[in-house]
Amino acid sequence: MIKPVVVRTHLSLFVRDPEASAAWYADVLGLEVTARGPQWVFLSFGRKHHDLALIRAEDGAQHGGLGLQHYGLEIEGDVEDLRRLYGMLLSKGVKVVKTTDHKVGIGLYFEDPDGNRFELFAETVTDDEEGRRILGEHNAPSEPVELEPLYP
């Protein structure tokens, strides 16, 4: 079987208002606008031409539903850094959905204004082979965990 070699990824989302969503992503996640058109905005974390594409949804599109369950963003840092990000999200009024222990890291789930769910993830097991073993042994766990936010 031939597998693609994934070096980087990007996410493309349908949103109600690409400009308003772009402002939210710039404020909350620090993304920068790299290109825009009448129906779309591209944003970047600063290394690539775009990491996120926001495309105007058709009129009447509904929150949530079928499709993307969540998009995980692994952070550079540890659980303390994740706690700081948690405090930042709360201070900006972002809807935090849950905090989860995956046995290989801690996840912090939140929603954008259109109901798209994201996860900020701090890895606690850095060896991929060990991570696979743990996920299999624990049946891909997602257990609630108390995570105390740290405010800036």
N, C-alpha and C. Protein backbone atom coordinates (compact mmCIF):
# COMPACT_ATOMS: atom_id res chain seq x y z
N MET A 1 0.85 -1.19 0.00
CA MET A 1 0.00 0.00 0.00
C MET A 1 0.89 1.24 0.00
N ILE A 2 0.60 2.17 -0.89
CA ILE A 2 1.33 3.43 -0.94
C ILE A 2 0.61 4.42 -0.02
N LYS A 3 1.40 5.03 0.88
CA LYS A 3 0.85 6.02 1.80
C LYS A 3 1.42 7.39 1.47
N PRO A 4 0.59 8.42 1.55
CA PRO A 4 1.12 9.76 1.32
C PRO A 4 2.03 10.17 2.47
N VAL A 5 3.06 10.92 2.17
CA VAL A 5 3.93 11.48 3.20
C VAL A 5 3.39 12.87 3.51
N VAL A 6 2.84 13.02 4.69
CA VAL A 6 2.23 14.28 5.07
C VAL A 6 3.26 15.12 5.83
N VAL A 7 3.60 16.25 5.25
CA VAL A 7 4.56 17.14 5.88
C VAL A 7 3.82 18.22 6.66
N ARG A 8 2.80 18.78 6.07
CA ARG A 8 1.98 19.80 6.71
C ARG A 8 0.55 19.56 6.27
N THR A 9 -0.37 20.06 7.02
CA THR A 9 -1.76 19.97 6.64
C THR A 9 -2.38 21.36 6.71
N HIS A 10 -3.55 21.48 6.13
CA HIS A 10 -4.34 22.68 6.32
C HIS A 10 -5.79 22.26 6.45
N LEU A 11 -6.58 23.13 6.99
CA LEU A 11 -7.99 22.88 7.23
C LEU A 11 -8.79 23.93 6.48
N SER A 12 -9.87 23.50 5.86
CA SER A 12 -10.77 24.39 5.16
C SER A 12 -12.15 24.25 5.77
N LEU A 13 -12.74 25.36 6.19
CA LEU A 13 -14.03 25.36 6.87
C LEU A 13 -15.04 26.24 6.16
N PHE A 14 -16.28 25.77 6.10
CA PHE A 14 -17.38 26.64 5.70
C PHE A 14 -17.80 27.45 6.92
N VAL A 15 -17.93 28.75 6.78
CA VAL A 15 -18.34 29.65 7.86
C VAL A 15 -19.37 30.62 7.33
N ARG A 16 -20.12 31.24 8.23
CA ARG A 16 -21.14 32.20 7.81
C ARG A 16 -20.53 33.48 7.26
N ASP A 17 -19.49 33.98 7.92
CA ASP A 17 -18.88 35.25 7.55
C ASP A 17 -17.36 35.11 7.62
N PRO A 18 -16.69 34.87 6.49
CA PRO A 18 -15.25 34.66 6.51
C PRO A 18 -14.45 35.78 7.15
N GLU A 19 -14.84 37.04 6.92
CA GLU A 19 -14.10 38.15 7.52
C GLU A 19 -14.24 38.17 9.04
N ALA A 20 -15.46 37.96 9.54
CA ALA A 20 -15.66 37.93 11.00
C ALA A 20 -14.94 36.74 11.61
N SER A 21 -15.00 35.59 10.95
CA SER A 21 -14.30 34.41 11.46
C SER A 21 -12.80 34.61 11.43
N ALA A 22 -12.28 35.26 10.39
CA ALA A 22 -10.84 35.53 10.32
C ALA A 22 -10.40 36.40 11.49
N ALA A 23 -11.19 37.40 11.82
CA ALA A 23 -10.86 38.26 12.97
C ALA A 23 -10.84 37.44 14.26
N TRP A 24 -11.79 36.52 14.41
CA TRP A 24 -11.84 35.66 15.60
C TRP A 24 -10.60 34.78 15.67
N TYR A 25 -10.22 34.12 14.57
CA TYR A 25 -9.05 33.25 14.55
C TYR A 25 -7.76 34.04 14.78
N ALA A 26 -7.69 35.26 14.28
CA ALA A 26 -6.52 36.10 14.52
C ALA A 26 -6.42 36.44 16.00
N ASP A 27 -7.54 36.79 16.61
CA ASP A 27 -7.56 37.17 18.01
C ASP A 27 -7.31 35.98 18.93
N VAL A 28 -7.98 34.86 18.68
CA VAL A 28 -7.91 33.73 19.60
C VAL A 28 -6.67 32.86 19.39
N LEU A 29 -6.33 32.56 18.14
CA LEU A 29 -5.21 31.64 17.88
C LEU A 29 -3.98 32.33 17.29
N GLY A 30 -4.06 33.63 17.06
CA GLY A 30 -2.90 34.37 16.56
C GLY A 30 -2.59 34.14 15.09
N LEU A 31 -3.56 33.64 14.32
CA LEU A 31 -3.33 33.44 12.89
C LEU A 31 -3.29 34.79 12.18
N GLU A 32 -2.56 34.82 11.05
CA GLU A 32 -2.46 36.03 10.25
C GLU A 32 -3.10 35.80 8.89
N VAL A 33 -3.84 36.79 8.40
CA VAL A 33 -4.44 36.70 7.08
C VAL A 33 -3.33 36.76 6.04
N THR A 34 -3.34 35.80 5.10
CA THR A 34 -2.33 35.77 4.03
C THR A 34 -2.94 36.05 2.66
N ALA A 35 -4.23 35.85 2.50
CA ALA A 35 -4.91 36.12 1.23
C ALA A 35 -6.40 36.20 1.49
N ARG A 36 -7.09 36.93 0.63
CA ARG A 36 -8.55 37.01 0.77
C ARG A 36 -9.18 37.28 -0.57
N GLY A 37 -10.43 36.84 -0.65
CA GLY A 37 -11.25 37.08 -1.82
C GLY A 37 -12.65 37.41 -1.34
N PRO A 38 -13.60 37.63 -2.25
CA PRO A 38 -14.94 38.02 -1.85
C PRO A 38 -15.67 36.96 -1.02
N GLN A 39 -15.32 35.69 -1.20
CA GLN A 39 -16.02 34.60 -0.51
C GLN A 39 -15.12 33.79 0.42
N TRP A 40 -13.87 34.20 0.63
CA TRP A 40 -12.93 33.38 1.40
C TRP A 40 -11.82 34.22 2.01
N VAL A 41 -11.19 33.66 3.06
CA VAL A 41 -10.00 34.24 3.68
C VAL A 41 -9.06 33.09 4.02
N PHE A 42 -7.76 33.23 3.71
CA PHE A 42 -6.73 32.26 4.09
C PHE A 42 -5.92 32.85 5.23
N LEU A 43 -5.59 32.00 6.20
CA LEU A 43 -4.80 32.42 7.36
C LEU A 43 -3.65 31.46 7.60
N SER A 44 -2.62 31.95 8.30
CA SER A 44 -1.42 31.16 8.56
C SER A 44 -0.94 31.36 10.00
N PHE A 45 -0.30 30.32 10.55
CA PHE A 45 0.38 30.44 11.84
C PHE A 45 1.74 31.12 11.67
N GLY A 46 2.14 31.40 10.42
CA GLY A 46 3.36 32.16 10.18
C GLY A 46 4.46 31.41 9.46
N ARG A 47 4.29 30.12 9.26
CA ARG A 47 5.34 29.35 8.57
C ARG A 47 4.99 29.01 7.13
N LYS A 48 3.72 28.83 6.84
CA LYS A 48 3.26 28.42 5.50
C LYS A 48 2.34 29.49 4.92
N HIS A 49 2.05 29.35 3.64
CA HIS A 49 1.17 30.31 2.96
C HIS A 49 -0.23 30.28 3.54
N HIS A 50 -0.69 29.08 3.98
CA HIS A 50 -1.97 29.04 4.71
C HIS A 50 -2.08 27.74 5.49
N ASP A 51 -2.67 27.85 6.66
CA ASP A 51 -2.99 26.71 7.51
C ASP A 51 -4.50 26.53 7.64
N LEU A 52 -5.24 27.60 7.38
CA LEU A 52 -6.69 27.59 7.54
C LEU A 52 -7.33 28.40 6.41
N ALA A 53 -8.33 27.80 5.77
CA ALA A 53 -9.11 28.49 4.74
C ALA A 53 -10.54 28.61 5.26
N LEU A 54 -11.07 29.81 5.24
CA LEU A 54 -12.45 30.07 5.67
C LEU A 54 -13.26 30.44 4.44
N ILE A 55 -14.27 29.64 4.14
CA ILE A 55 -15.05 29.81 2.92
C ILE A 55 -16.52 30.07 3.29
N ARG A 56 -17.11 31.07 2.65
CA ARG A 56 -18.50 31.41 2.96
C ARG A 56 -19.42 30.23 2.66
N ALA A 57 -20.21 29.84 3.67
CA ALA A 57 -21.18 28.75 3.52
C ALA A 57 -22.42 29.27 2.78
N GLU A 58 -23.17 28.34 2.24
CA GLU A 58 -24.42 28.72 1.60
C GLU A 58 -25.39 29.26 2.63
N ASP A 59 -26.28 30.13 2.22
CA ASP A 59 -27.30 30.66 3.13
C ASP A 59 -28.08 29.50 3.73
N GLY A 60 -28.38 29.60 5.02
CA GLY A 60 -29.16 28.58 5.71
C GLY A 60 -28.35 27.43 6.28
N ALA A 61 -27.03 27.46 6.14
CA ALA A 61 -26.20 26.39 6.71
C ALA A 61 -26.39 26.34 8.23
N GLN A 62 -26.41 25.14 8.78
CA GLN A 62 -26.69 24.94 10.20
C GLN A 62 -25.42 24.71 11.02
N HIS A 63 -25.46 25.11 12.31
CA HIS A 63 -24.38 24.84 13.26
C HIS A 63 -24.20 23.34 13.44
N GLY A 64 -22.96 22.90 13.59
CA GLY A 64 -22.69 21.49 13.92
C GLY A 64 -23.19 20.55 12.85
N GLY A 65 -23.75 19.44 13.28
CA GLY A 65 -24.29 18.46 12.34
C GLY A 65 -23.24 17.47 11.89
N LEU A 66 -23.46 16.93 10.70
CA LEU A 66 -22.52 15.97 10.15
C LEU A 66 -21.28 16.66 9.63
N GLY A 67 -20.18 15.92 9.58
CA GLY A 67 -18.94 16.47 9.05
C GLY A 67 -17.84 16.41 10.07
N LEU A 68 -17.04 17.43 10.13
CA LEU A 68 -15.89 17.50 11.01
C LEU A 68 -16.30 17.34 12.47
N GLN A 69 -15.69 16.38 13.17
CA GLN A 69 -15.95 16.23 14.61
C GLN A 69 -15.09 17.21 15.40
N HIS A 70 -13.79 17.25 15.09
CA HIS A 70 -12.91 18.28 15.62
C HIS A 70 -11.60 18.27 14.85
N TYR A 71 -10.84 19.33 14.99
CA TYR A 71 -9.53 19.42 14.39
C TYR A 71 -8.54 19.64 15.52
N GLY A 72 -7.57 18.74 15.66
CA GLY A 72 -6.60 18.81 16.75
C GLY A 72 -5.37 19.61 16.37
N LEU A 73 -4.97 20.48 17.26
CA LEU A 73 -3.77 21.29 17.09
C LEU A 73 -2.82 20.96 18.24
N GLU A 74 -1.75 20.23 17.93
CA GLU A 74 -0.77 19.90 18.96
C GLU A 74 0.08 21.13 19.24
N ILE A 75 0.21 21.49 20.51
CA ILE A 75 0.96 22.68 20.87
C ILE A 75 2.43 22.33 21.09
N GLU A 76 3.29 23.31 20.91
CA GLU A 76 4.67 23.19 21.36
C GLU A 76 4.66 23.60 22.81
N GLY A 77 4.87 22.66 23.70
CA GLY A 77 4.82 22.97 25.12
C GLY A 77 4.24 21.81 25.89
N ASP A 78 4.01 22.08 27.16
CA ASP A 78 3.53 21.04 28.07
C ASP A 78 2.16 21.40 28.63
N VAL A 79 1.75 20.68 29.65
CA VAL A 79 0.42 20.90 30.24
C VAL A 79 0.31 22.29 30.86
N GLU A 80 1.41 22.82 31.39
CA GLU A 80 1.36 24.19 31.94
C GLU A 80 1.06 25.19 30.83
N ASP A 81 1.66 24.98 29.67
CA ASP A 81 1.37 25.85 28.52
C ASP A 81 -0.09 25.70 28.10
N LEU A 82 -0.61 24.48 28.14
CA LEU A 82 -2.01 24.24 27.81
C LEU A 82 -2.92 24.97 28.81
N ARG A 83 -2.55 24.99 30.08
CA ARG A 83 -3.32 25.70 31.10
C ARG A 83 -3.34 27.21 30.81
N ARG A 84 -2.22 27.74 30.33
CA ARG A 84 -2.18 29.16 29.96
C ARG A 84 -3.09 29.44 28.77
N LEU A 85 -3.08 28.54 27.80
CA LEU A 85 -3.97 28.69 26.65
C LEU A 85 -5.43 28.59 27.07
N TYR A 86 -5.72 27.73 28.02
CA TYR A 86 -7.06 27.59 28.57
C TYR A 86 -7.52 28.92 29.18
N GLY A 87 -6.67 29.52 29.99
CA GLY A 87 -7.00 30.81 30.59
C GLY A 87 -7.22 31.89 29.53
N MET A 88 -6.39 31.88 28.48
CA MET A 88 -6.53 32.85 27.40
C MET A 88 -7.87 32.66 26.69
N LEU A 89 -8.24 31.40 26.39
CA LEU A 89 -9.52 31.15 25.73
C LEU A 89 -10.68 31.67 26.58
N LEU A 90 -10.65 31.34 27.87
CA LEU A 90 -11.73 31.79 28.76
C LEU A 90 -11.78 33.31 28.85
N SER A 91 -10.61 33.95 28.90
CA SER A 91 -10.59 35.42 29.00
C SER A 91 -11.14 36.08 27.74
N LYS A 92 -11.13 35.37 26.61
CA LYS A 92 -11.68 35.90 25.36
C LYS A 92 -13.13 35.47 25.15
N GLY A 93 -13.71 34.77 26.13
CA GLY A 93 -15.10 34.36 26.02
C GLY A 93 -15.34 33.20 25.07
N VAL A 94 -14.29 32.42 24.79
CA VAL A 94 -14.42 31.28 23.89
C VAL A 94 -15.14 30.15 24.60
N LYS A 95 -16.04 29.48 23.90
CA LYS A 95 -16.77 28.35 24.48
C LYS A 95 -15.85 27.13 24.57
N VAL A 96 -15.47 26.76 25.80
CA VAL A 96 -14.68 25.55 26.03
C VAL A 96 -15.65 24.41 26.28
N VAL A 97 -15.51 23.34 25.50
CA VAL A 97 -16.44 22.22 25.53
C VAL A 97 -16.07 21.20 26.60
N LYS A 98 -14.77 20.84 26.66
CA LYS A 98 -14.34 19.84 27.63
C LYS A 98 -12.82 19.81 27.70
N THR A 99 -12.32 19.22 28.78
CA THR A 99 -10.91 18.90 28.92
C THR A 99 -10.82 17.39 29.13
N THR A 100 -9.86 16.76 28.44
CA THR A 100 -9.85 15.32 28.34
C THR A 100 -8.44 14.74 28.52
N ASP A 101 -8.38 13.61 29.23
CA ASP A 101 -7.14 12.84 29.35
C ASP A 101 -7.20 11.72 28.31
N HIS A 102 -6.26 11.76 27.35
CA HIS A 102 -6.20 10.73 26.32
C HIS A 102 -5.13 9.67 26.64
N LYS A 103 -4.54 9.75 27.82
CA LYS A 103 -3.45 8.85 28.27
C LYS A 103 -2.14 9.08 27.51
N VAL A 104 -2.17 9.75 26.39
CA VAL A 104 -0.95 10.11 25.67
C VAL A 104 -0.80 11.64 25.65
N GLY A 105 -1.77 12.32 26.22
CA GLY A 105 -1.76 13.77 26.29
C GLY A 105 -3.08 14.29 26.81
N ILE A 106 -3.12 15.58 27.03
CA ILE A 106 -4.31 16.26 27.53
C ILE A 106 -4.89 17.12 26.42
N GLY A 107 -6.20 17.02 26.23
CA GLY A 107 -6.88 17.78 25.20
C GLY A 107 -7.81 18.83 25.79
N LEU A 108 -7.84 19.99 25.16
CA LEU A 108 -8.71 21.09 25.54
C LEU A 108 -9.55 21.42 24.32
N TYR A 109 -10.84 21.13 24.38
CA TYR A 109 -11.73 21.28 23.23
C TYR A 109 -12.52 22.59 23.33
N PHE A 110 -12.61 23.30 22.22
CA PHE A 110 -13.34 24.56 22.18
C PHE A 110 -13.99 24.73 20.82
N GLU A 111 -14.90 25.71 20.72
CA GLU A 111 -15.63 25.95 19.48
C GLU A 111 -15.38 27.36 18.95
N ASP A 112 -15.38 27.45 17.62
CA ASP A 112 -15.32 28.77 16.99
C ASP A 112 -16.75 29.32 16.91
N PRO A 113 -16.94 30.55 16.44
CA PRO A 113 -18.29 31.13 16.41
C PRO A 113 -19.30 30.37 15.56
N ASP A 114 -18.84 29.53 14.61
CA ASP A 114 -19.75 28.76 13.76
C ASP A 114 -19.98 27.35 14.29
N GLY A 115 -19.48 27.06 15.49
CA GLY A 115 -19.69 25.74 16.08
C GLY A 115 -18.69 24.69 15.65
N ASN A 116 -17.62 25.06 14.91
CA ASN A 116 -16.57 24.11 14.56
C ASN A 116 -15.74 23.83 15.80
N ARG A 117 -15.47 22.56 16.05
CA ARG A 117 -14.77 22.17 17.28
C ARG A 117 -13.28 21.94 16.99
N PHE A 118 -12.47 22.49 17.88
CA PHE A 118 -11.02 22.35 17.82
C PHE A 118 -10.52 21.77 19.14
N GLU A 119 -9.34 21.15 19.06
CA GLU A 119 -8.67 20.64 20.26
C GLU A 119 -7.26 21.19 20.29
N LEU A 120 -6.89 21.81 21.40
CA LEU A 120 -5.48 22.10 21.67
C LEU A 120 -4.98 20.91 22.48
N PHE A 121 -3.87 20.31 22.06
CA PHE A 121 -3.41 19.05 22.62
C PHE A 121 -1.98 19.17 23.09
N ALA A 122 -1.73 18.82 24.37
CA ALA A 122 -0.38 18.78 24.92
C ALA A 122 0.01 17.32 25.10
N GLU A 123 0.98 16.89 24.32
CA GLU A 123 1.41 15.50 24.37
C GLU A 123 2.17 15.23 25.67
N THR A 124 1.86 14.11 26.31
CA THR A 124 2.58 13.69 27.51
C THR A 124 3.40 12.43 27.26
N VAL A 125 3.09 11.70 26.20
CA VAL A 125 3.87 10.54 25.77
C VAL A 125 4.42 10.89 24.40
N THR A 126 5.73 11.05 24.31
CA THR A 126 6.33 11.53 23.06
C THR A 126 6.85 10.42 22.17
N ASP A 127 6.96 9.21 22.67
CA ASP A 127 7.40 8.07 21.86
C ASP A 127 6.18 7.51 21.12
N ASP A 128 6.19 7.58 19.79
CA ASP A 128 5.02 7.17 19.01
C ASP A 128 4.67 5.70 19.19
N GLU A 129 5.67 4.84 19.28
CA GLU A 129 5.40 3.41 19.47
C GLU A 129 4.69 3.19 20.81
N GLU A 130 5.18 3.84 21.85
CA GLU A 130 4.55 3.76 23.18
C GLU A 130 3.14 4.34 23.12
N GLY A 131 2.97 5.44 22.39
CA GLY A 131 1.65 6.06 22.24
C GLY A 131 0.65 5.11 21.58
N ARG A 132 1.07 4.40 20.54
CA ARG A 132 0.18 3.43 19.89
C ARG A 132 -0.22 2.33 20.86
N ARG A 133 0.75 1.85 21.63
CA ARG A 133 0.47 0.79 22.60
C ARG A 133 -0.55 1.26 23.63
N ILE A 134 -0.35 2.46 24.15
CA ILE A 134 -1.24 3.01 25.18
C ILE A 134 -2.65 3.22 24.63
N LEU A 135 -2.76 3.79 23.42
CA LEU A 135 -4.08 4.01 22.82
C LEU A 135 -4.82 2.69 22.64
N GLY A 136 -4.11 1.66 22.18
CA GLY A 136 -4.74 0.35 22.00
C GLY A 136 -5.12 -0.28 23.32
N GLU A 137 -4.24 -0.19 24.29
CA GLU A 137 -4.47 -0.79 25.61
C GLU A 137 -5.66 -0.14 26.32
N HIS A 138 -5.79 1.16 26.15
CA HIS A 138 -6.86 1.90 26.84
C HIS A 138 -8.07 2.16 25.94
N ASN A 139 -8.07 1.59 24.73
CA ASN A 139 -9.20 1.71 23.82
C ASN A 139 -9.46 3.17 23.43
N ALA A 140 -8.39 3.85 22.98
CA ALA A 140 -8.46 5.26 22.57
C ALA A 140 -9.24 6.11 23.58
N PRO A 141 -8.69 6.27 24.78
CA PRO A 141 -9.43 6.91 25.86
C PRO A 141 -9.70 8.39 25.66
N SER A 142 -10.79 8.82 26.22
CA SER A 142 -11.16 10.22 26.26
C SER A 142 -11.90 10.42 27.58
N GLU A 143 -11.11 10.52 28.65
CA GLU A 143 -11.69 10.61 30.00
C GLU A 143 -11.65 12.04 30.50
N PRO A 144 -12.73 12.50 31.10
CA PRO A 144 -12.73 13.87 31.64
C PRO A 144 -11.58 14.07 32.63
N VAL A 145 -10.98 15.25 32.59
CA VAL A 145 -9.90 15.59 33.50
C VAL A 145 -10.08 17.05 33.93
N GLU A 146 -9.80 17.30 35.19
CA GLU A 146 -9.82 18.68 35.68
C GLU A 146 -8.54 19.36 35.24
N LEU A 147 -8.67 20.49 34.59
CA LEU A 147 -7.53 21.28 34.15
C LEU A 147 -7.76 22.70 34.63
N GLU A 148 -6.92 23.15 35.51
CA GLU A 148 -7.07 24.48 36.09
C GLU A 148 -6.47 25.52 35.13
N PRO A 149 -7.29 26.46 34.65
CA PRO A 149 -6.73 27.47 33.74
C PRO A 149 -5.78 28.41 34.44
N LEU A 150 -4.75 28.83 33.73
CA LEU A 150 -3.84 29.87 34.21
C LEU A 150 -4.13 31.12 33.39
N TYR A 151 -4.38 32.22 34.05
CA TYR A 151 -4.71 33.45 33.34
C TYR A 151 -3.48 34.30 33.13
N PRO A 152 -3.42 34.96 31.95
CA PRO A 152 -2.24 35.80 31.65
C PRO A 152 -2.10 36.96 32.61
